[in-house]
Amino acid sequence: MSLQKLNYTLQLADNALILGHRLSEWCGHGPVLEQDIALTNMALDHLGQARAFYQYAAEIYNTLPEPEKKEVFSSPFFLENNLPLTEDHLAYLRDAWDFKNVLLTEQPNGDWAYTIARSFFYDQYAVLLYQSLKQSNDPAIAAIAEKSLKEATYHSRWSSEWVIRLGDGTELSKQKMQQALTDTWPYTGELFMMSDAEQAMLKEGVAPGIDHLQASWNSYISGVIEEATLEQLPADTWMHSGGKQGTHSEYLGYILAEMQFMQRAYPGLEW
């Protein structure tokens, strides 16, 4: 198994983990009980996806030749130990610069409209990605994608319905939804900027090409925004990037400080 396949699998896992953690922050704080429960369940879906990808990533890492293992992570634990890795190591003992999630997933929850906007943009991307990954020539990734697609489809329907509900609601809800979409939009471009790992996996038939995903995504996003009676978002906006290469916003550090505390304070705990 290749080093780039490991990087690609971690990319998939990190996106799911970080977005799942963000959604979990709403637990007990949702606007109404039903939506509080819905967000908590979706957070668990993302964590389940992350766990499946981390398990496969650990399997890939453990089969790499020793010289290649030294190239993967720069966090001290991985440089100083030569132990078989598990999903827990990958989730809880890497530092921010070793995470490969897109910047969109780590953005703060903000108010309800900002949380909806972030999920709306990511959820439909996940639907299209998992649909394509079902055809991957890697059986493990294809199987995870097939299971995850069912969850992602529900997530996309839920967040899209909320965009429409808020956009076509009161003047205040329309204003808040429009502002949230506008502010979150510059973080969506990175979804379709191919990393070295994605390019390598495309050549091997493991990952899909981005171009056709982006066209389908743009069409879907525009359709929902139109139905919500909101303004279309500009196509020529400058887009943030760097997350896939390990360059993150300040928010990821705070997420990891909270999420990883128990494992770092009491080593050896299991998920």
C-alpha atoms as a PDB file:
ATOM      1  CA  MET A   1       0.000   0.000   0.000  1.00  0.00           C
ATOM      2  CA  SER A   2       1.198   3.476  -0.814  1.00  0.00           C
ATOM      3  CA  LEU A   3       2.053   6.500   1.241  1.00  0.00           C
ATOM      4  CA  GLN A   4      -0.304   8.624  -0.845  1.00  0.00           C
ATOM      5  CA  LYS A   5      -3.190   6.241  -0.172  1.00  0.00           C
ATOM      6  CA  LEU A   6      -2.564   6.757   3.536  1.00  0.00           C
ATOM      7  CA  ASN A   7      -2.609  10.540   3.078  1.00  0.00           C
ATOM      8  CA  TYR A   8      -5.824  10.349   1.077  1.00  0.00           C
ATOM      9  CA  THR A   9      -7.541   8.131   3.641  1.00  0.00           C
ATOM     10  CA  LEU A  10      -6.491  10.486   6.429  1.00  0.00           C
ATOM     11  CA  GLN A  11      -7.912  13.383   4.444  1.00  0.00           C
ATOM     12  CA  LEU A  12     -11.303  11.664   4.354  1.00  0.00           C
ATOM     13  CA  ALA A  13     -11.110  10.752   8.029  1.00  0.00           C
ATOM     14  CA  ASP A  14     -10.025  14.195   9.218  1.00  0.00           C
ATOM     15  CA  ASN A  15     -12.861  15.948   7.391  1.00  0.00           C
ATOM     16  CA  ALA A  16     -15.410  13.691   9.058  1.00  0.00           C
ATOM     17  CA  LEU A  17     -13.840  13.922  12.518  1.00  0.00           C
ATOM     18  CA  ILE A  18     -13.461  17.694  12.664  1.00  0.00           C
ATOM     19  CA  LEU A  19     -16.913  18.454  11.277  1.00  0.00           C
ATOM     20  CA  GLY A  20     -18.406  15.852  13.602  1.00  0.00           C
ATOM     21  CA  HIS A  21     -16.709  17.519  16.563  1.00  0.00           C
ATOM     22  CA  ARG A  22     -18.027  20.919  15.515  1.00  0.00           C
ATOM     23  CA  LEU A  23     -21.587  19.607  15.292  1.00  0.00           C
ATOM     24  CA  SER A  24     -21.243  17.863  18.650  1.00  0.00           C
ATOM     25  CA  GLU A  25     -20.650  21.271  20.248  1.00  0.00           C
ATOM     26  CA  TRP A  26     -24.359  21.980  19.686  1.00  0.00           C
ATOM     27  CA  CYS A  27     -25.383  19.094  21.962  1.00  0.00           C
ATOM     28  CA  GLY A  28     -27.642  20.597  24.633  1.00  0.00           C
ATOM     29  CA  HIS A  29     -27.637  23.993  22.900  1.00  0.00           C
ATOM     30  CA  GLY A  30     -29.893  23.437  19.875  1.00  0.00           C
ATOM     31  CA  PRO A  31     -32.703  25.915  19.210  1.00  0.00           C
ATOM     32  CA  VAL A  32     -35.345  23.236  19.810  1.00  0.00           C
ATOM     33  CA  LEU A  33     -35.103  19.706  21.175  1.00  0.00           C
ATOM     34  CA  GLU A  34     -35.749  18.002  17.828  1.00  0.00           C
ATOM     35  CA  GLN A  35     -32.900  19.827  16.083  1.00  0.00           C
ATOM     36  CA  ASP A  36     -30.603  19.364  19.057  1.00  0.00           C
ATOM     37  CA  ILE A  37     -31.092  15.601  18.698  1.00  0.00           C
ATOM     38  CA  ALA A  38     -30.747  15.766  14.905  1.00  0.00           C
ATOM     39  CA  LEU A  39     -27.385  17.545  15.123  1.00  0.00           C
ATOM     40  CA  THR A  40     -26.116  15.140  17.759  1.00  0.00           C
ATOM     41  CA  ASN A  41     -27.046  12.171  15.589  1.00  0.00           C
ATOM     42  CA  MET A  42     -25.342  13.713  12.559  1.00  0.00           C
ATOM     43  CA  ALA A  43     -22.234  14.343  14.639  1.00  0.00           C
ATOM     44  CA  LEU A  44     -22.227  10.645  15.525  1.00  0.00           C
ATOM     45  CA  ASP A  45     -22.584   9.766  11.839  1.00  0.00           C
ATOM     46  CA  HIS A  46     -19.488  11.803  11.026  1.00  0.00           C
ATOM     47  CA  LEU A  47     -17.566  10.232  13.896  1.00  0.00           C
ATOM     48  CA  GLY A  48     -18.528   6.777  12.662  1.00  0.00           C
ATOM     49  CA  GLN A  49     -17.248   7.630   9.191  1.00  0.00           C
ATOM     50  CA  ALA A  50     -14.041   9.007  10.675  1.00  0.00           C
ATOM     51  CA  ARG A  51     -13.519   5.881  12.731  1.00  0.00           C
ATOM     52  CA  ALA A  52     -13.885   3.612   9.688  1.00  0.00           C
ATOM     53  CA  PHE A  53     -11.386   5.646   7.681  1.00  0.00           C
ATOM     54  CA  TYR A  54      -8.940   5.869  10.611  1.00  0.00           C
ATOM     55  CA  GLN A  55      -9.046   2.113  11.073  1.00  0.00           C
ATOM     56  CA  TYR A  56      -8.152   1.649   7.429  1.00  0.00           C
ATOM     57  CA  ALA A  57      -5.483   4.365   7.606  1.00  0.00           C
ATOM     58  CA  ALA A  58      -3.873   2.607  10.580  1.00  0.00           C
ATOM     59  CA  GLU A  59      -3.856  -0.636   8.605  1.00  0.00           C
ATOM     60  CA  ILE A  60      -2.142   1.093   5.695  1.00  0.00           C
ATOM     61  CA  TYR A  61       0.421   2.774   7.948  1.00  0.00           C
ATOM     62  CA  ASN A  62       1.308  -0.461   9.709  1.00  0.00           C
ATOM     63  CA  THR A  63       2.169  -2.108   6.379  1.00  0.00           C
ATOM     64  CA  LEU A  64       4.443   0.698   5.149  1.00  0.00           C
ATOM     65  CA  PRO A  65       8.223   0.161   5.009  1.00  0.00           C
ATOM     66  CA  GLU A  66      10.006   1.763   7.949  1.00  0.00           C
ATOM     67  CA  PRO A  67      11.659   4.565   5.904  1.00  0.00           C
ATOM     68  CA  GLU A  68       8.262   5.680   4.569  1.00  0.00           C
ATOM     69  CA  LYS A  69       6.726   5.761   8.032  1.00  0.00           C
ATOM     70  CA  LYS A  70       9.189   8.504   8.990  1.00  0.00           C
ATOM     71  CA  GLU A  71       7.811  10.680   6.177  1.00  0.00           C
ATOM     72  CA  VAL A  72       4.187  10.593   7.286  1.00  0.00           C
ATOM     73  CA  PHE A  73       3.891  12.504  10.572  1.00  0.00           C
ATOM     74  CA  SER A  74       5.922  15.178  12.280  1.00  0.00           C
ATOM     75  CA  SER A  75       4.193  14.955  15.673  1.00  0.00           C
ATOM     76  CA  PRO A  76       6.681  13.768  18.347  1.00  0.00           C
ATOM     77  CA  PHE A  77       4.747  10.627  19.311  1.00  0.00           C
ATOM     78  CA  PHE A  78       5.048   9.170  15.831  1.00  0.00           C
ATOM     79  CA  LEU A  79       8.714  10.073  15.500  1.00  0.00           C
ATOM     80  CA  GLU A  80       9.692   8.603  18.858  1.00  0.00           C
ATOM     81  CA  ASN A  81       7.623   5.399  18.838  1.00  0.00           C
ATOM     82  CA  ASN A  82       7.626   2.469  16.488  1.00  0.00           C
ATOM     83  CA  LEU A  83       4.398   0.865  17.709  1.00  0.00           C
ATOM     84  CA  PRO A  84       1.539  -0.450  15.560  1.00  0.00           C
ATOM     85  CA  LEU A  85      -0.880   2.430  15.129  1.00  0.00           C
ATOM     86  CA  THR A  86      -4.584   2.370  15.953  1.00  0.00           C
ATOM     87  CA  GLU A  87      -7.469   4.711  15.181  1.00  0.00           C
ATOM     88  CA  ASP A  88      -6.954   6.321  18.601  1.00  0.00           C
ATOM     89  CA  HIS A  89      -3.386   7.335  17.812  1.00  0.00           C
ATOM     90  CA  LEU A  90      -4.474   8.979  14.582  1.00  0.00           C
ATOM     91  CA  ALA A  91      -7.370  10.896  16.118  1.00  0.00           C
ATOM     92  CA  TYR A  92      -5.846  11.900  19.424  1.00  0.00           C
ATOM     93  CA  LEU A  93      -2.065  12.111  19.116  1.00  0.00           C
ATOM     94  CA  ARG A  94      -1.425  14.019  15.906  1.00  0.00           C
ATOM     95  CA  ASP A  95      -0.805  17.742  16.100  1.00  0.00           C
ATOM     96  CA  ALA A  96      -2.607  20.314  13.966  1.00  0.00           C
ATOM     97  CA  TRP A  97       0.000  20.381  11.185  1.00  0.00           C
ATOM     98  CA  ASP A  98      -0.530  16.643  10.583  1.00  0.00           C
ATOM     99  CA  PHE A  99      -4.293  17.019  10.053  1.00  0.00           C
ATOM    100  CA  LYS A 100      -5.495  17.190   6.445  1.00  0.00           C
ATOM    101  CA  ASN A 101      -9.102  18.384   6.795  1.00  0.00           C
ATOM    102  CA  VAL A 102     -10.320  21.280   4.675  1.00  0.00           C
ATOM    103  CA  LEU A 103     -10.618  24.640   6.418  1.00  0.00           C
ATOM    104  CA  LEU A 104     -14.395  24.649   5.967  1.00  0.00           C
ATOM    105  CA  THR A 105     -14.895  21.877   8.513  1.00  0.00           C
ATOM    106  CA  GLU A 106     -13.068  23.657  11.325  1.00  0.00           C
ATOM    107  CA  GLN A 107     -14.866  27.000  11.082  1.00  0.00           C
ATOM    108  CA  PRO A 108     -16.800  28.027  14.232  1.00  0.00           C
ATOM    109  CA  ASN A 109     -20.458  27.182  14.632  1.00  0.00           C
ATOM    110  CA  GLY A 110     -21.476  30.820  14.928  1.00  0.00           C
ATOM    111  CA  ASP A 111     -25.241  31.176  15.065  1.00  0.00           C
ATOM    112  CA  TRP A 112     -27.696  28.655  13.631  1.00  0.00           C
ATOM    113  CA  ALA A 113     -27.429  30.073  10.113  1.00  0.00           C
ATOM    114  CA  TYR A 114     -23.628  29.706  10.051  1.00  0.00           C
ATOM    115  CA  THR A 115     -23.839  26.096  11.203  1.00  0.00           C
ATOM    116  CA  ILE A 116     -26.408  25.393   8.491  1.00  0.00           C
ATOM    117  CA  ALA A 117     -24.298  27.096   5.813  1.00  0.00           C
ATOM    118  CA  ARG A 118     -21.196  25.080   6.691  1.00  0.00           C
ATOM    119  CA  SER A 119     -23.112  21.801   6.655  1.00  0.00           C
ATOM    120  CA  PHE A 120     -25.018  22.724   3.493  1.00  0.00           C
ATOM    121  CA  PHE A 121     -21.824  23.256   1.511  1.00  0.00           C
ATOM    122  CA  TYR A 122     -20.018  20.215   2.912  1.00  0.00           C
ATOM    123  CA  ASP A 123     -22.920  17.758   2.967  1.00  0.00           C
ATOM    124  CA  GLN A 124     -23.628  17.869  -0.750  1.00  0.00           C
ATOM    125  CA  TYR A 125     -19.921  17.572  -1.482  1.00  0.00           C
ATOM    126  CA  ALA A 126     -19.867  14.452   0.693  1.00  0.00           C
ATOM    127  CA  VAL A 127     -22.845  12.985  -1.169  1.00  0.00           C
ATOM    128  CA  LEU A 128     -21.140  13.397  -4.533  1.00  0.00           C
ATOM    129  CA  LEU A 129     -17.793  12.191  -3.219  1.00  0.00           C
ATOM    130  CA  TYR A 130     -19.194   9.039  -1.632  1.00  0.00           C
ATOM    131  CA  GLN A 131     -21.267   8.296  -4.729  1.00  0.00           C
ATOM    132  CA  SER A 132     -18.050   8.326  -6.748  1.00  0.00           C
ATOM    133  CA  LEU A 133     -16.004   6.454  -4.147  1.00  0.00           C
ATOM    134  CA  LYS A 134     -18.472   3.567  -4.287  1.00  0.00           C
ATOM    135  CA  GLN A 135     -16.796   2.818  -7.632  1.00  0.00           C
ATOM    136  CA  SER A 136     -13.275   2.991  -6.174  1.00  0.00           C
ATOM    137  CA  ASN A 137     -10.995   0.102  -7.031  1.00  0.00           C
ATOM    138  CA  ASP A 138     -10.015  -0.020  -3.359  1.00  0.00           C
ATOM    139  CA  PRO A 139     -12.604  -2.361  -1.767  1.00  0.00           C
ATOM    140  CA  ALA A 140     -12.194  -0.926   1.745  1.00  0.00           C
ATOM    141  CA  ILE A 141     -12.743   2.678   0.675  1.00  0.00           C
ATOM    142  CA  ALA A 142     -15.644   1.649  -1.570  1.00  0.00           C
ATOM    143  CA  ALA A 143     -17.339  -0.158   1.322  1.00  0.00           C
ATOM    144  CA  ILE A 144     -16.964   2.774   3.715  1.00  0.00           C
ATOM    145  CA  ALA A 145     -18.287   5.139   1.044  1.00  0.00           C
ATOM    146  CA  GLU A 146     -21.338   2.980   0.393  1.00  0.00           C
ATOM    147  CA  LYS A 147     -22.289   2.976   4.070  1.00  0.00           C
ATOM    148  CA  SER A 148     -21.492   6.668   4.509  1.00  0.00           C
ATOM    149  CA  LEU A 149     -23.533   7.704   1.482  1.00  0.00           C
ATOM    150  CA  LYS A 150     -26.802   6.871   3.210  1.00  0.00           C
ATOM    151  CA  GLU A 151     -25.906   9.165   6.086  1.00  0.00           C
ATOM    152  CA  ALA A 152     -24.558  11.942   3.860  1.00  0.00           C
ATOM    153  CA  THR A 153     -27.748  11.913   1.780  1.00  0.00           C
ATOM    154  CA  TYR A 154     -29.841  12.549   4.878  1.00  0.00           C
ATOM    155  CA  HIS A 155     -27.430  15.245   6.058  1.00  0.00           C
ATOM    156  CA  SER A 156     -27.659  17.064   2.732  1.00  0.00           C
ATOM    157  CA  ARG A 157     -31.431  16.926   2.657  1.00  0.00           C
ATOM    158  CA  TRP A 158     -31.611  18.246   6.223  1.00  0.00           C
ATOM    159  CA  SER A 159     -29.228  21.187   5.723  1.00  0.00           C
ATOM    160  CA  SER A 160     -30.770  22.080   2.349  1.00  0.00           C
ATOM    161  CA  GLU A 161     -34.241  22.211   3.870  1.00  0.00           C
ATOM    162  CA  TRP A 162     -32.965  24.563   6.555  1.00  0.00           C
ATOM    163  CA  VAL A 163     -31.400  26.887   3.965  1.00  0.00           C
ATOM    164  CA  ILE A 164     -34.774  27.071   2.223  1.00  0.00           C
ATOM    165  CA  ARG A 165     -36.682  27.485   5.476  1.00  0.00           C
ATOM    166  CA  LEU A 166     -34.506  30.357   6.674  1.00  0.00           C
ATOM    167  CA  GLY A 167     -34.045  31.986   3.268  1.00  0.00           C
ATOM    168  CA  ASP A 168     -37.746  31.965   2.464  1.00  0.00           C
ATOM    169  CA  GLY A 169     -38.783  32.794   6.018  1.00  0.00           C
ATOM    170  CA  THR A 170     -38.842  36.131   7.802  1.00  0.00           C
ATOM    171  CA  GLU A 171     -36.798  39.149   6.776  1.00  0.00           C
ATOM    172  CA  LEU A 172     -34.451  38.516   9.699  1.00  0.00           C
ATOM    173  CA  SER A 173     -33.939  34.827   8.944  1.00  0.00           C
ATOM    174  CA  LYS A 174     -33.379  35.659   5.267  1.00  0.00           C
ATOM    175  CA  GLN A 175     -30.769  38.253   6.172  1.00  0.00           C
ATOM    176  CA  LYS A 176     -28.949  35.891   8.554  1.00  0.00           C
ATOM    177  CA  MET A 177     -28.944  32.994   6.088  1.00  0.00           C
ATOM    178  CA  GLN A 178     -27.660  35.179   3.271  1.00  0.00           C
ATOM    179  CA  GLN A 179     -24.869  36.577   5.432  1.00  0.00           C
ATOM    180  CA  ALA A 180     -23.851  33.132   6.647  1.00  0.00           C
ATOM    181  CA  LEU A 181     -23.681  31.749   3.097  1.00  0.00           C
ATOM    182  CA  THR A 182     -21.717  34.761   1.890  1.00  0.00           C
ATOM    183  CA  ASP A 183     -19.186  34.538   4.735  1.00  0.00           C
ATOM    184  CA  THR A 184     -18.765  30.760   4.473  1.00  0.00           C
ATOM    185  CA  TRP A 185     -18.556  30.636   0.670  1.00  0.00           C
ATOM    186  CA  PRO A 186     -14.813  31.499   0.445  1.00  0.00           C
ATOM    187  CA  TYR A 187     -14.005  28.271   2.308  1.00  0.00           C
ATOM    188  CA  THR A 188     -15.704  26.027  -0.253  1.00  0.00           C
ATOM    189  CA  GLY A 189     -13.145  26.294  -3.042  1.00  0.00           C
ATOM    190  CA  GLU A 190     -10.663  24.067  -1.215  1.00  0.00           C
ATOM    191  CA  LEU A 191     -13.087  21.153  -1.537  1.00  0.00           C
ATOM    192  CA  PHE A 192     -12.222  21.066  -5.239  1.00  0.00           C
ATOM    193  CA  MET A 193      -8.503  21.846  -5.085  1.00  0.00           C
ATOM    194  CA  MET A 194      -6.779  18.517  -5.566  1.00  0.00           C
ATOM    195  CA  SER A 195      -4.015  17.600  -3.157  1.00  0.00           C
ATOM    196  CA  ASP A 196      -1.022  15.509  -4.201  1.00  0.00           C
ATOM    197  CA  ALA A 197      -2.698  12.508  -2.586  1.00  0.00           C
ATOM    198  CA  GLU A 198      -5.914  13.048  -4.534  1.00  0.00           C
ATOM    199  CA  GLN A 199      -4.031  13.345  -7.808  1.00  0.00           C
ATOM    200  CA  ALA A 200      -2.095  10.157  -7.091  1.00  0.00           C
ATOM    201  CA  MET A 201      -5.248   8.256  -6.126  1.00  0.00           C
ATOM    202  CA  LEU A 202      -7.042   9.488  -9.242  1.00  0.00           C
ATOM    203  CA  LYS A 203      -4.311   7.920 -11.370  1.00  0.00           C
ATOM    204  CA  GLU A 204      -4.686   4.651  -9.468  1.00  0.00           C
ATOM    205  CA  GLY A 205      -8.469   4.590  -9.779  1.00  0.00           C
ATOM    206  CA  VAL A 206      -8.998   4.983  -6.039  1.00  0.00           C
ATOM    207  CA  ALA A 207     -10.352   8.548  -5.990  1.00  0.00           C
ATOM    208  CA  PRO A 208     -12.612  10.424  -8.439  1.00  0.00           C
ATOM    209  CA  GLY A 209     -11.716  13.457 -10.492  1.00  0.00           C
ATOM    210  CA  ILE A 210     -12.814  16.744  -9.023  1.00  0.00           C
ATOM    211  CA  ASP A 211     -14.124  18.499 -12.146  1.00  0.00           C
ATOM    212  CA  HIS A 212     -17.358  16.576 -12.573  1.00  0.00           C
ATOM    213  CA  LEU A 213     -17.993  16.678  -8.822  1.00  0.00           C
ATOM    214  CA  GLN A 214     -17.657  20.450  -8.815  1.00  0.00           C
ATOM    215  CA  ALA A 215     -20.057  20.933 -11.725  1.00  0.00           C
ATOM    216  CA  SER A 216     -22.722  18.791 -10.040  1.00  0.00           C
ATOM    217  CA  TRP A 217     -22.111  20.507  -6.712  1.00  0.00           C
ATOM    218  CA  ASN A 218     -22.417  23.995  -8.185  1.00  0.00           C
ATOM    219  CA  SER A 219     -25.674  23.056  -9.891  1.00  0.00           C
ATOM    220  CA  TYR A 220     -27.174  21.666  -6.695  1.00  0.00           C
ATOM    221  CA  ILE A 221     -26.051  24.582  -4.505  1.00  0.00           C
ATOM    222  CA  SER A 222     -27.399  27.144  -6.996  1.00  0.00           C
ATOM    223  CA  GLY A 223     -30.732  25.326  -7.190  1.00  0.00           C
ATOM    224  CA  VAL A 224     -31.261  25.312  -3.438  1.00  0.00           C
ATOM    225  CA  ILE A 225     -30.241  28.959  -3.110  1.00  0.00           C
ATOM    226  CA  GLU A 226     -32.702  29.894  -5.838  1.00  0.00           C
ATOM    227  CA  GLU A 227     -35.499  27.962  -4.144  1.00  0.00           C
ATOM    228  CA  ALA A 228     -34.627  29.733  -0.892  1.00  0.00           C
ATOM    229  CA  THR A 229     -35.067  33.106  -2.703  1.00  0.00           C
ATOM    230  CA  LEU A 230     -31.508  34.071  -1.766  1.00  0.00           C
ATOM    231  CA  GLU A 231     -28.853  35.790  -3.856  1.00  0.00           C
ATOM    232  CA  GLN A 232     -26.522  33.569  -5.866  1.00  0.00           C
ATOM    233  CA  LEU A 233     -22.919  33.537  -4.680  1.00  0.00           C
ATOM    234  CA  PRO A 234     -20.122  34.972  -6.870  1.00  0.00           C
ATOM    235  CA  ALA A 235     -18.132  32.476  -8.921  1.00  0.00           C
ATOM    236  CA  ASP A 236     -14.928  34.562  -8.889  1.00  0.00           C
ATOM    237  CA  THR A 237     -14.497  34.850  -5.108  1.00  0.00           C
ATOM    238  CA  TRP A 238     -10.975  34.363  -3.726  1.00  0.00           C
ATOM    239  CA  MET A 239     -10.896  31.053  -1.874  1.00  0.00           C
ATOM    240  CA  HIS A 240      -9.028  30.040   1.281  1.00  0.00           C
ATOM    241  CA  SER A 241      -6.927  26.880   1.135  1.00  0.00           C
ATOM    242  CA  GLY A 242      -4.131  25.044   2.914  1.00  0.00           C
ATOM    243  CA  GLY A 243      -5.953  22.590   5.151  1.00  0.00           C
ATOM    244  CA  LYS A 244      -5.196  19.580   2.948  1.00  0.00           C
ATOM    245  CA  GLN A 245      -1.492  20.431   3.277  1.00  0.00           C
ATOM    246  CA  GLY A 246      -1.624  20.893   7.055  1.00  0.00           C
ATOM    247  CA  THR A 247      -1.865  24.693   7.145  1.00  0.00           C
ATOM    248  CA  HIS A 248      -4.913  25.473   9.255  1.00  0.00           C
ATOM    249  CA  SER A 249      -6.791  28.349  10.807  1.00  0.00           C
ATOM    250  CA  GLU A 250      -6.325  29.084  14.495  1.00  0.00           C
ATOM    251  CA  TYR A 251      -9.598  27.277  15.199  1.00  0.00           C
ATOM    252  CA  LEU A 252      -8.203  23.781  14.713  1.00  0.00           C
ATOM    253  CA  GLY A 253      -5.773  24.178  17.600  1.00  0.00           C
ATOM    254  CA  TYR A 254      -8.620  24.947  19.984  1.00  0.00           C
ATOM    255  CA  ILE A 255     -10.623  21.976  18.692  1.00  0.00           C
ATOM    256  CA  LEU A 256      -7.714  19.585  19.250  1.00  0.00           C
ATOM    257  CA  ALA A 257      -6.917  21.026  22.683  1.00  0.00           C
ATOM    258  CA  GLU A 258     -10.410  20.098  23.807  1.00  0.00           C
ATOM    259  CA  MET A 259     -10.848  16.873  21.857  1.00  0.00           C
ATOM    260  CA  GLN A 260      -7.449  15.349  22.641  1.00  0.00           C
ATOM    261  CA  PHE A 261      -7.090  16.376  26.275  1.00  0.00           C
ATOM    262  CA  MET A 262      -8.132  13.088  27.915  1.00  0.00           C
ATOM    263  CA  GLN A 263      -5.931  10.903  25.717  1.00  0.00           C
ATOM    264  CA  ARG A 264      -2.896  13.124  26.205  1.00  0.00           C
ATOM    265  CA  ALA A 265      -3.456  13.521  29.960  1.00  0.00           C
ATOM    266  CA  TYR A 266      -4.182   9.826  30.507  1.00  0.00           C
ATOM    267  CA  PRO A 267      -2.342   7.882  27.754  1.00  0.00           C
ATOM    268  CA  GLY A 268      -3.748   4.545  26.702  1.00  0.00           C
ATOM    269  CA  LEU A 269      -7.442   5.307  26.908  1.00  0.00           C
ATOM    270  CA  GLU A 270      -9.480   3.587  24.190  1.00  0.00           C
ATOM    271  CA  TRP A 271     -12.194   5.089  21.987  1.00  0.00           C
END
